[in-house]
N, C-alpha and C. Protein backbone atom coordinates (compact mmCIF):
# COMPACT_ATOMS: atom_id res chain seq x y z
N UNK A 1 26.38 13.95 -170.33
CA UNK A 1 27.66 14.07 -169.67
C UNK A 1 28.45 12.79 -169.96
N UNK A 2 29.25 12.85 -170.96
CA UNK A 2 30.04 11.71 -171.39
C UNK A 2 31.50 11.96 -171.06
N UNK A 3 31.84 11.82 -169.79
CA UNK A 3 33.21 12.08 -169.34
C UNK A 3 34.00 10.79 -169.25
N UNK A 4 35.29 10.88 -169.48
CA UNK A 4 36.13 9.67 -169.35
C UNK A 4 36.16 9.19 -167.90
N UNK A 5 36.00 7.91 -167.71
CA UNK A 5 36.03 7.32 -166.37
C UNK A 5 37.43 6.76 -166.14
N UNK A 6 38.27 7.63 -165.59
CA UNK A 6 39.68 7.30 -165.37
C UNK A 6 39.90 7.06 -163.88
N UNK A 7 40.53 5.96 -163.56
CA UNK A 7 40.89 5.67 -162.17
C UNK A 7 42.17 6.45 -161.86
N UNK A 8 42.09 7.35 -160.90
CA UNK A 8 43.23 8.18 -160.53
C UNK A 8 44.07 7.45 -159.48
N UNK A 9 45.33 7.29 -159.76
CA UNK A 9 46.24 6.64 -158.82
C UNK A 9 46.60 7.62 -157.70
N UNK A 10 46.54 7.13 -156.49
CA UNK A 10 46.90 7.96 -155.34
C UNK A 10 48.42 8.05 -155.23
N UNK A 11 48.87 9.24 -154.90
CA UNK A 11 50.29 9.41 -154.62
C UNK A 11 50.51 9.10 -153.14
N UNK A 12 51.76 9.05 -152.74
CA UNK A 12 52.08 8.85 -151.33
C UNK A 12 51.48 9.97 -150.48
N UNK A 13 51.54 11.19 -151.01
CA UNK A 13 50.98 12.35 -150.31
C UNK A 13 49.48 12.17 -150.09
N UNK A 14 48.76 11.68 -151.10
CA UNK A 14 47.31 11.45 -150.97
C UNK A 14 47.01 10.43 -149.88
N UNK A 15 47.81 9.38 -149.84
CA UNK A 15 47.61 8.33 -148.83
C UNK A 15 47.86 8.90 -147.44
N UNK A 16 48.90 9.71 -147.30
CA UNK A 16 49.22 10.32 -146.00
C UNK A 16 48.08 11.24 -145.56
N UNK A 17 47.54 12.02 -146.48
CA UNK A 17 46.42 12.92 -146.15
C UNK A 17 45.23 12.12 -145.65
N UNK A 18 44.87 11.06 -146.35
CA UNK A 18 43.74 10.23 -145.94
C UNK A 18 44.00 9.59 -144.58
N UNK A 19 45.22 9.12 -144.36
CA UNK A 19 45.58 8.50 -143.09
C UNK A 19 45.49 9.51 -141.95
N UNK A 20 46.05 10.71 -142.16
CA UNK A 20 46.00 11.75 -141.11
C UNK A 20 44.56 12.15 -140.78
N UNK A 21 43.73 12.23 -141.80
CA UNK A 21 42.32 12.56 -141.56
C UNK A 21 41.68 11.52 -140.65
N UNK A 22 41.87 10.27 -140.99
CA UNK A 22 41.32 9.18 -140.19
C UNK A 22 41.87 9.23 -138.76
N UNK A 23 43.17 9.46 -138.62
CA UNK A 23 43.81 9.50 -137.29
C UNK A 23 43.24 10.64 -136.45
N UNK A 24 43.01 11.81 -137.06
CA UNK A 24 42.48 12.95 -136.29
C UNK A 24 41.07 12.68 -135.79
N UNK A 25 40.25 12.08 -136.62
CA UNK A 25 38.88 11.77 -136.19
C UNK A 25 38.91 10.69 -135.11
N UNK A 26 39.76 9.70 -135.29
CA UNK A 26 39.92 8.66 -134.28
C UNK A 26 40.48 9.24 -132.97
N UNK A 27 41.44 10.16 -133.08
CA UNK A 27 42.00 10.80 -131.89
C UNK A 27 40.92 11.58 -131.13
N UNK A 28 39.99 12.18 -131.85
CA UNK A 28 38.89 12.89 -131.20
C UNK A 28 38.08 11.93 -130.34
N UNK A 29 37.76 10.77 -130.89
CA UNK A 29 37.00 9.78 -130.13
C UNK A 29 37.81 9.26 -128.94
N UNK A 30 39.10 9.06 -129.14
CA UNK A 30 39.95 8.59 -128.04
C UNK A 30 40.03 9.63 -126.93
N UNK A 31 40.13 10.91 -127.29
CA UNK A 31 40.12 11.98 -126.28
C UNK A 31 38.84 11.94 -125.44
N UNK A 32 37.72 11.74 -126.10
CA UNK A 32 36.44 11.68 -125.38
C UNK A 32 36.45 10.49 -124.42
N UNK A 33 36.87 9.34 -124.92
CA UNK A 33 36.92 8.14 -124.07
C UNK A 33 37.82 8.38 -122.87
N UNK A 34 38.99 8.96 -123.10
CA UNK A 34 39.97 9.17 -122.03
C UNK A 34 39.46 10.12 -120.95
N UNK A 35 38.83 11.22 -121.36
CA UNK A 35 38.42 12.25 -120.39
C UNK A 35 36.96 12.12 -119.95
N UNK A 36 36.22 11.19 -120.50
CA UNK A 36 34.78 11.14 -120.28
C UNK A 36 34.41 11.12 -118.78
N UNK A 37 35.05 10.27 -117.99
CA UNK A 37 34.70 10.15 -116.57
C UNK A 37 35.14 11.37 -115.76
N UNK A 38 36.08 12.16 -116.27
CA UNK A 38 36.56 13.34 -115.55
C UNK A 38 35.68 14.56 -115.81
N UNK A 39 34.85 14.49 -116.84
CA UNK A 39 34.03 15.64 -117.25
C UNK A 39 32.76 15.72 -116.41
N UNK A 40 32.29 16.94 -116.16
CA UNK A 40 31.00 17.08 -115.47
C UNK A 40 29.87 16.64 -116.41
N UNK A 41 28.71 16.36 -115.85
CA UNK A 41 27.58 15.91 -116.66
C UNK A 41 27.12 16.98 -117.66
N UNK A 42 27.28 18.25 -117.30
CA UNK A 42 26.91 19.36 -118.18
C UNK A 42 28.16 20.14 -118.56
N UNK A 43 28.33 20.34 -119.86
CA UNK A 43 29.48 21.09 -120.37
C UNK A 43 29.05 22.47 -120.84
N UNK A 44 29.90 23.48 -120.66
CA UNK A 44 29.56 24.81 -121.16
C UNK A 44 29.52 24.84 -122.68
N UNK A 45 28.60 25.63 -123.21
CA UNK A 45 28.46 25.80 -124.66
C UNK A 45 28.68 27.27 -124.98
N UNK A 46 29.52 27.52 -125.97
CA UNK A 46 29.85 28.87 -126.40
C UNK A 46 29.38 29.05 -127.84
N UNK A 47 28.18 29.58 -128.02
CA UNK A 47 27.68 29.80 -129.37
C UNK A 47 28.28 31.05 -129.99
N UNK A 48 28.63 32.01 -129.16
CA UNK A 48 29.16 33.28 -129.62
C UNK A 48 30.66 33.26 -129.36
N UNK A 49 31.45 32.74 -130.31
CA UNK A 49 32.86 32.48 -130.04
C UNK A 49 33.69 33.68 -129.62
N UNK A 50 33.42 34.93 -130.06
CA UNK A 50 34.29 35.99 -129.56
C UNK A 50 34.06 36.28 -128.08
N UNK A 51 32.88 35.95 -127.61
CA UNK A 51 32.54 36.22 -126.22
C UNK A 51 33.10 35.13 -125.33
N UNK A 52 33.49 35.51 -124.14
CA UNK A 52 33.95 34.52 -123.16
C UNK A 52 32.80 34.05 -122.28
N UNK A 53 31.61 34.55 -122.55
CA UNK A 53 30.45 34.19 -121.74
C UNK A 53 29.90 32.84 -122.17
N UNK A 54 29.49 32.06 -121.20
CA UNK A 54 28.88 30.77 -121.48
C UNK A 54 27.43 31.03 -121.89
N UNK A 55 27.05 30.47 -123.06
CA UNK A 55 25.70 30.68 -123.57
C UNK A 55 24.71 29.64 -123.06
N UNK A 56 25.19 28.55 -122.56
CA UNK A 56 24.32 27.49 -122.06
C UNK A 56 25.15 26.28 -121.68
N UNK A 57 24.44 25.20 -121.40
CA UNK A 57 25.10 23.96 -121.03
C UNK A 57 24.48 22.81 -121.82
N UNK A 58 25.31 21.83 -122.13
CA UNK A 58 24.85 20.65 -122.85
C UNK A 58 25.39 19.40 -122.19
N UNK A 59 24.71 18.29 -122.40
CA UNK A 59 25.14 17.02 -121.83
C UNK A 59 26.48 16.61 -122.43
N UNK A 60 27.29 15.95 -121.63
CA UNK A 60 28.61 15.55 -122.12
C UNK A 60 28.53 14.52 -123.24
N UNK A 61 27.40 13.85 -123.38
CA UNK A 61 27.22 12.91 -124.50
C UNK A 61 27.26 13.62 -125.85
N UNK A 62 27.00 14.94 -125.86
CA UNK A 62 27.04 15.70 -127.11
C UNK A 62 28.45 15.76 -127.70
N UNK A 63 29.46 15.48 -126.89
CA UNK A 63 30.83 15.45 -127.41
C UNK A 63 30.97 14.43 -128.54
N UNK A 64 30.18 13.37 -128.50
CA UNK A 64 30.27 12.33 -129.52
C UNK A 64 29.79 12.80 -130.88
N UNK A 65 29.04 13.88 -130.92
CA UNK A 65 28.50 14.37 -132.19
C UNK A 65 29.61 14.74 -133.17
N UNK A 66 30.66 15.36 -132.67
CA UNK A 66 31.74 15.81 -133.55
C UNK A 66 32.44 14.65 -134.27
N UNK A 67 32.96 13.63 -133.55
CA UNK A 67 33.61 12.55 -134.30
C UNK A 67 32.63 11.73 -135.16
N UNK A 68 31.39 11.61 -134.72
CA UNK A 68 30.42 10.84 -135.52
C UNK A 68 30.10 11.59 -136.81
N UNK A 69 29.76 12.86 -136.70
CA UNK A 69 29.42 13.65 -137.90
C UNK A 69 30.62 13.79 -138.82
N UNK A 70 31.77 14.11 -138.26
CA UNK A 70 32.98 14.25 -139.10
C UNK A 70 33.39 12.92 -139.71
N UNK A 71 33.19 11.83 -138.98
CA UNK A 71 33.49 10.51 -139.52
C UNK A 71 32.59 10.18 -140.70
N UNK A 72 31.30 10.49 -140.59
CA UNK A 72 30.36 10.23 -141.69
C UNK A 72 30.72 11.10 -142.89
N UNK A 73 31.02 12.37 -142.65
CA UNK A 73 31.42 13.26 -143.75
C UNK A 73 32.71 12.76 -144.38
N UNK A 74 33.67 12.35 -143.56
CA UNK A 74 34.95 11.86 -144.06
C UNK A 74 34.79 10.62 -144.93
N UNK A 75 33.97 9.70 -144.49
CA UNK A 75 33.72 8.48 -145.28
C UNK A 75 33.00 8.85 -146.58
N UNK A 76 32.04 9.77 -146.48
CA UNK A 76 31.32 10.21 -147.69
C UNK A 76 32.25 10.84 -148.71
N UNK A 77 33.15 11.70 -148.25
CA UNK A 77 34.11 12.33 -149.17
C UNK A 77 35.07 11.29 -149.73
N UNK A 78 35.50 10.36 -148.91
CA UNK A 78 36.40 9.29 -149.38
C UNK A 78 35.73 8.50 -150.50
N UNK A 79 34.47 8.12 -150.31
CA UNK A 79 33.75 7.36 -151.34
C UNK A 79 33.53 8.22 -152.58
N UNK A 80 33.11 9.46 -152.39
CA UNK A 80 32.89 10.36 -153.52
C UNK A 80 34.15 10.55 -154.35
N UNK A 81 35.27 10.56 -153.68
CA UNK A 81 36.56 10.76 -154.36
C UNK A 81 36.92 9.62 -155.31
N UNK A 82 36.24 8.50 -155.20
CA UNK A 82 36.50 7.37 -156.10
C UNK A 82 35.86 7.58 -157.47
N UNK A 83 34.98 8.60 -157.60
CA UNK A 83 34.24 8.85 -158.83
C UNK A 83 34.39 10.31 -159.27
N UNK A 84 35.60 10.75 -159.62
CA UNK A 84 35.81 12.17 -159.94
C UNK A 84 35.08 12.63 -161.20
N UNK A 85 34.64 11.74 -162.04
CA UNK A 85 33.96 12.14 -163.27
C UNK A 85 32.55 12.66 -163.01
N UNK A 86 32.03 12.51 -161.78
CA UNK A 86 30.70 13.05 -161.49
C UNK A 86 30.74 14.44 -160.86
N UNK A 87 31.94 14.96 -160.60
CA UNK A 87 32.09 16.29 -160.00
C UNK A 87 31.73 17.37 -161.02
N UNK A 88 31.49 18.56 -160.50
CA UNK A 88 31.35 19.73 -161.36
C UNK A 88 32.72 20.34 -161.58
N UNK A 89 33.00 20.74 -162.80
CA UNK A 89 34.29 21.32 -163.14
C UNK A 89 34.07 22.67 -163.82
N UNK A 90 35.01 23.59 -163.62
CA UNK A 90 34.85 24.93 -164.22
C UNK A 90 35.24 24.98 -165.70
N UNK A 91 35.34 23.82 -166.34
CA UNK A 91 35.73 23.75 -167.74
C UNK A 91 35.07 22.53 -168.38
N UNK A 92 35.07 22.49 -169.69
CA UNK A 92 34.61 21.30 -170.39
C UNK A 92 35.71 20.24 -170.31
N UNK A 93 35.31 19.06 -169.92
CA UNK A 93 36.29 17.98 -169.82
C UNK A 93 36.38 17.24 -171.14
N UNK A 94 37.61 17.02 -171.54
CA UNK A 94 37.93 16.27 -172.76
C UNK A 94 38.94 15.20 -172.35
N UNK A 95 39.11 14.19 -173.16
CA UNK A 95 40.09 13.14 -172.80
C UNK A 95 41.49 13.67 -172.49
N UNK A 96 41.88 14.75 -173.16
CA UNK A 96 43.24 15.27 -172.94
C UNK A 96 43.40 16.07 -171.64
N UNK A 97 42.30 16.58 -171.06
CA UNK A 97 42.43 17.35 -169.82
C UNK A 97 41.74 16.69 -168.63
N UNK A 98 41.05 15.58 -168.85
CA UNK A 98 40.27 14.96 -167.78
C UNK A 98 41.13 14.48 -166.62
N UNK A 99 42.20 13.77 -166.93
CA UNK A 99 43.02 13.20 -165.85
C UNK A 99 43.60 14.29 -164.95
N UNK A 100 44.10 15.37 -165.54
CA UNK A 100 44.67 16.45 -164.73
C UNK A 100 43.60 17.12 -163.87
N UNK A 101 42.41 17.32 -164.44
CA UNK A 101 41.32 17.91 -163.67
C UNK A 101 40.87 16.99 -162.55
N UNK A 102 40.82 15.70 -162.82
CA UNK A 102 40.44 14.73 -161.79
C UNK A 102 41.44 14.74 -160.64
N UNK A 103 42.73 14.81 -160.98
CA UNK A 103 43.76 14.83 -159.94
C UNK A 103 43.63 16.06 -159.05
N UNK A 104 43.39 17.20 -159.68
CA UNK A 104 43.23 18.44 -158.90
C UNK A 104 42.00 18.35 -158.00
N UNK A 105 40.89 17.86 -158.55
CA UNK A 105 39.64 17.78 -157.78
C UNK A 105 39.74 16.79 -156.63
N UNK A 106 40.34 15.63 -156.88
CA UNK A 106 40.44 14.65 -155.80
C UNK A 106 41.40 15.13 -154.71
N UNK A 107 42.47 15.81 -155.10
CA UNK A 107 43.39 16.35 -154.10
C UNK A 107 42.69 17.41 -153.26
N UNK A 108 41.89 18.27 -153.91
CA UNK A 108 41.17 19.30 -153.18
C UNK A 108 40.24 18.66 -152.14
N UNK A 109 39.51 17.63 -152.54
CA UNK A 109 38.61 16.98 -151.59
C UNK A 109 39.36 16.31 -150.45
N UNK A 110 40.52 15.76 -150.74
CA UNK A 110 41.32 15.16 -149.66
C UNK A 110 41.78 16.23 -148.66
N UNK A 111 42.19 17.37 -149.16
CA UNK A 111 42.63 18.46 -148.28
C UNK A 111 41.45 18.97 -147.45
N UNK A 112 40.29 19.12 -148.09
CA UNK A 112 39.09 19.55 -147.35
C UNK A 112 38.76 18.53 -146.27
N UNK A 113 38.86 17.26 -146.60
CA UNK A 113 38.61 16.21 -145.62
C UNK A 113 39.61 16.29 -144.46
N UNK A 114 40.86 16.61 -144.77
CA UNK A 114 41.87 16.79 -143.73
C UNK A 114 41.50 17.95 -142.81
N UNK A 115 41.03 19.04 -143.39
CA UNK A 115 40.60 20.20 -142.59
C UNK A 115 39.41 19.81 -141.71
N UNK A 116 38.51 19.01 -142.23
CA UNK A 116 37.37 18.56 -141.44
C UNK A 116 37.85 17.70 -140.26
N UNK A 117 38.81 16.82 -140.52
CA UNK A 117 39.39 16.01 -139.44
C UNK A 117 40.07 16.88 -138.39
N UNK A 118 40.82 17.88 -138.84
CA UNK A 118 41.48 18.81 -137.92
C UNK A 118 40.45 19.59 -137.11
N UNK A 119 39.39 20.04 -137.76
CA UNK A 119 38.32 20.76 -137.08
C UNK A 119 37.68 19.89 -136.02
N UNK A 120 37.44 18.65 -136.35
CA UNK A 120 36.86 17.70 -135.40
C UNK A 120 37.75 17.58 -134.15
N UNK A 121 39.03 17.40 -134.38
CA UNK A 121 39.97 17.26 -133.27
C UNK A 121 40.02 18.52 -132.41
N UNK A 122 40.09 19.68 -133.05
CA UNK A 122 40.18 20.95 -132.32
C UNK A 122 38.90 21.19 -131.51
N UNK A 123 37.75 20.99 -132.13
CA UNK A 123 36.48 21.22 -131.42
C UNK A 123 36.34 20.27 -130.24
N UNK A 124 36.70 19.02 -130.44
CA UNK A 124 36.61 18.05 -129.35
C UNK A 124 37.57 18.41 -128.22
N UNK A 125 38.80 18.73 -128.58
CA UNK A 125 39.81 19.06 -127.58
C UNK A 125 39.40 20.28 -126.74
N UNK A 126 38.97 21.34 -127.42
CA UNK A 126 38.62 22.54 -126.66
C UNK A 126 37.30 22.39 -125.91
N UNK A 127 36.42 21.55 -126.39
CA UNK A 127 35.19 21.26 -125.62
C UNK A 127 35.54 20.53 -124.33
N UNK A 128 36.48 19.61 -124.41
CA UNK A 128 36.92 18.91 -123.21
C UNK A 128 37.62 19.87 -122.25
N UNK A 129 38.50 20.73 -122.79
CA UNK A 129 39.16 21.72 -121.92
C UNK A 129 38.14 22.64 -121.25
N UNK A 130 37.11 23.03 -121.98
CA UNK A 130 36.08 23.89 -121.40
C UNK A 130 35.36 23.15 -120.27
N UNK A 131 35.07 21.87 -120.50
CA UNK A 131 34.41 21.08 -119.46
C UNK A 131 35.27 20.91 -118.23
N UNK A 132 36.57 20.84 -118.41
CA UNK A 132 37.50 20.72 -117.28
C UNK A 132 37.90 22.08 -116.72
N UNK A 133 37.36 23.14 -117.30
CA UNK A 133 37.64 24.52 -116.90
C UNK A 133 39.14 24.84 -117.02
N UNK A 134 39.73 24.41 -118.16
CA UNK A 134 41.15 24.62 -118.39
C UNK A 134 41.42 25.30 -119.73
N UNK A 135 40.49 26.07 -120.23
CA UNK A 135 40.72 26.79 -121.49
C UNK A 135 41.86 27.78 -121.30
N UNK A 136 42.74 27.86 -122.31
CA UNK A 136 43.92 28.70 -122.17
C UNK A 136 43.93 29.90 -123.12
N UNK A 137 42.85 30.13 -123.84
CA UNK A 137 42.78 31.27 -124.74
C UNK A 137 43.17 30.94 -126.17
N UNK A 138 43.82 29.82 -126.39
CA UNK A 138 44.21 29.43 -127.74
C UNK A 138 42.98 29.20 -128.63
N UNK A 139 41.88 28.79 -128.01
CA UNK A 139 40.64 28.57 -128.77
C UNK A 139 40.15 29.85 -129.42
N UNK A 140 40.40 30.98 -128.80
CA UNK A 140 39.97 32.27 -129.37
C UNK A 140 40.73 32.60 -130.65
N UNK A 141 41.91 32.03 -130.79
CA UNK A 141 42.69 32.20 -132.01
C UNK A 141 42.31 31.16 -133.07
N UNK A 142 42.18 29.90 -132.64
CA UNK A 142 41.96 28.82 -133.60
C UNK A 142 40.56 28.79 -134.20
N UNK A 143 39.54 29.05 -133.41
CA UNK A 143 38.17 28.94 -133.93
C UNK A 143 37.90 29.86 -135.12
N UNK A 144 38.34 31.12 -135.10
CA UNK A 144 38.09 31.96 -136.29
C UNK A 144 38.87 31.51 -137.53
N UNK A 145 39.95 30.77 -137.34
CA UNK A 145 40.73 30.33 -138.50
C UNK A 145 40.14 29.10 -139.18
N UNK A 146 39.27 28.36 -138.50
CA UNK A 146 38.74 27.13 -139.07
C UNK A 146 37.97 27.36 -140.37
N UNK A 147 37.06 28.35 -140.46
CA UNK A 147 36.40 28.57 -141.76
C UNK A 147 37.38 28.99 -142.86
N UNK A 148 38.40 29.74 -142.48
CA UNK A 148 39.41 30.15 -143.46
C UNK A 148 40.13 28.92 -143.98
N UNK A 149 40.50 28.00 -143.08
CA UNK A 149 41.17 26.77 -143.48
C UNK A 149 40.31 25.93 -144.41
N UNK A 150 39.00 26.02 -144.26
CA UNK A 150 38.10 25.24 -145.11
C UNK A 150 38.02 25.81 -146.52
N UNK A 151 38.03 27.13 -146.64
CA UNK A 151 37.86 27.75 -147.96
C UNK A 151 39.17 27.97 -148.72
N UNK A 152 40.29 28.05 -148.03
CA UNK A 152 41.57 28.24 -148.72
C UNK A 152 41.88 27.15 -149.74
N UNK A 153 41.72 25.86 -149.39
CA UNK A 153 42.01 24.85 -150.41
C UNK A 153 41.07 24.93 -151.62
N UNK A 154 39.84 25.30 -151.39
CA UNK A 154 38.89 25.42 -152.50
C UNK A 154 39.36 26.52 -153.45
N UNK A 155 39.70 27.66 -152.90
CA UNK A 155 40.16 28.78 -153.73
C UNK A 155 41.46 28.40 -154.44
N UNK A 156 42.39 27.82 -153.70
CA UNK A 156 43.69 27.44 -154.28
C UNK A 156 43.51 26.47 -155.45
N UNK A 157 42.72 25.42 -155.26
CA UNK A 157 42.58 24.42 -156.31
C UNK A 157 41.71 24.90 -157.47
N UNK A 158 40.79 25.82 -157.23
CA UNK A 158 40.04 26.41 -158.35
C UNK A 158 40.97 27.26 -159.22
N UNK A 159 41.81 28.04 -158.58
CA UNK A 159 42.78 28.85 -159.34
C UNK A 159 43.75 27.94 -160.09
N UNK A 160 44.23 26.91 -159.42
CA UNK A 160 45.15 25.97 -160.06
C UNK A 160 44.49 25.30 -161.27
N UNK A 161 43.25 24.90 -161.11
CA UNK A 161 42.51 24.27 -162.21
C UNK A 161 42.32 25.25 -163.37
N UNK A 162 41.97 26.47 -163.04
CA UNK A 162 41.76 27.49 -164.07
C UNK A 162 43.05 27.73 -164.87
N UNK A 163 44.16 27.88 -164.17
CA UNK A 163 45.45 28.12 -164.83
C UNK A 163 45.87 26.93 -165.69
N UNK A 164 45.67 25.73 -165.17
CA UNK A 164 46.05 24.54 -165.91
C UNK A 164 45.21 24.42 -167.17
N UNK A 165 43.91 24.66 -167.07
CA UNK A 165 43.04 24.55 -168.24
C UNK A 165 43.32 25.66 -169.25
N UNK A 166 43.71 26.82 -168.76
CA UNK A 166 44.06 27.93 -169.65
C UNK A 166 45.30 27.57 -170.47
N UNK A 167 46.29 26.94 -169.82
CA UNK A 167 47.51 26.51 -170.52
C UNK A 167 47.19 25.44 -171.57
N UNK A 168 46.29 24.54 -171.23
CA UNK A 168 45.97 23.46 -172.16
C UNK A 168 45.24 23.95 -173.40
N UNK A 169 44.52 25.07 -173.27
CA UNK A 169 43.78 25.62 -174.42
C UNK A 169 44.71 26.29 -175.43
N UNK A 170 45.87 26.72 -174.97
CA UNK A 170 46.82 27.43 -175.86
C UNK A 170 47.48 26.49 -176.84
């Protein structure tokens, strides 16, 4: 695998995406800190999201799992994004198409990271609302959309990459 090692310059949009991701994960932690003393020791757990029935209870310390795990994933993706030449690509990389493919791949990972940050914030927020017994039904709409939000950028950027590489071959 002898791919060109090109440093991809971030656009303003890329910087904003990374900043928003960081802010959402940080906001999740701040929400926990702010509401921690108001929450009961045991929070309801809903494993079966379409159901309104509580499946069990968990300690309120489990709220920290979301920002910690999402923070670790976010940092991992940020670091991985510095080395786009190690990614898998749906085409053979050559010096003439490498930079464009790298830009598409790094943008896709930034968007996925943004979705992970958004998911962290949403899960934390609705877990706190559940603990305070103030769920308003919006969670029933948002939770099913989270997996869709995760896969849409992947599909979009794969199609974009395919079309771009098809044009370059002509």
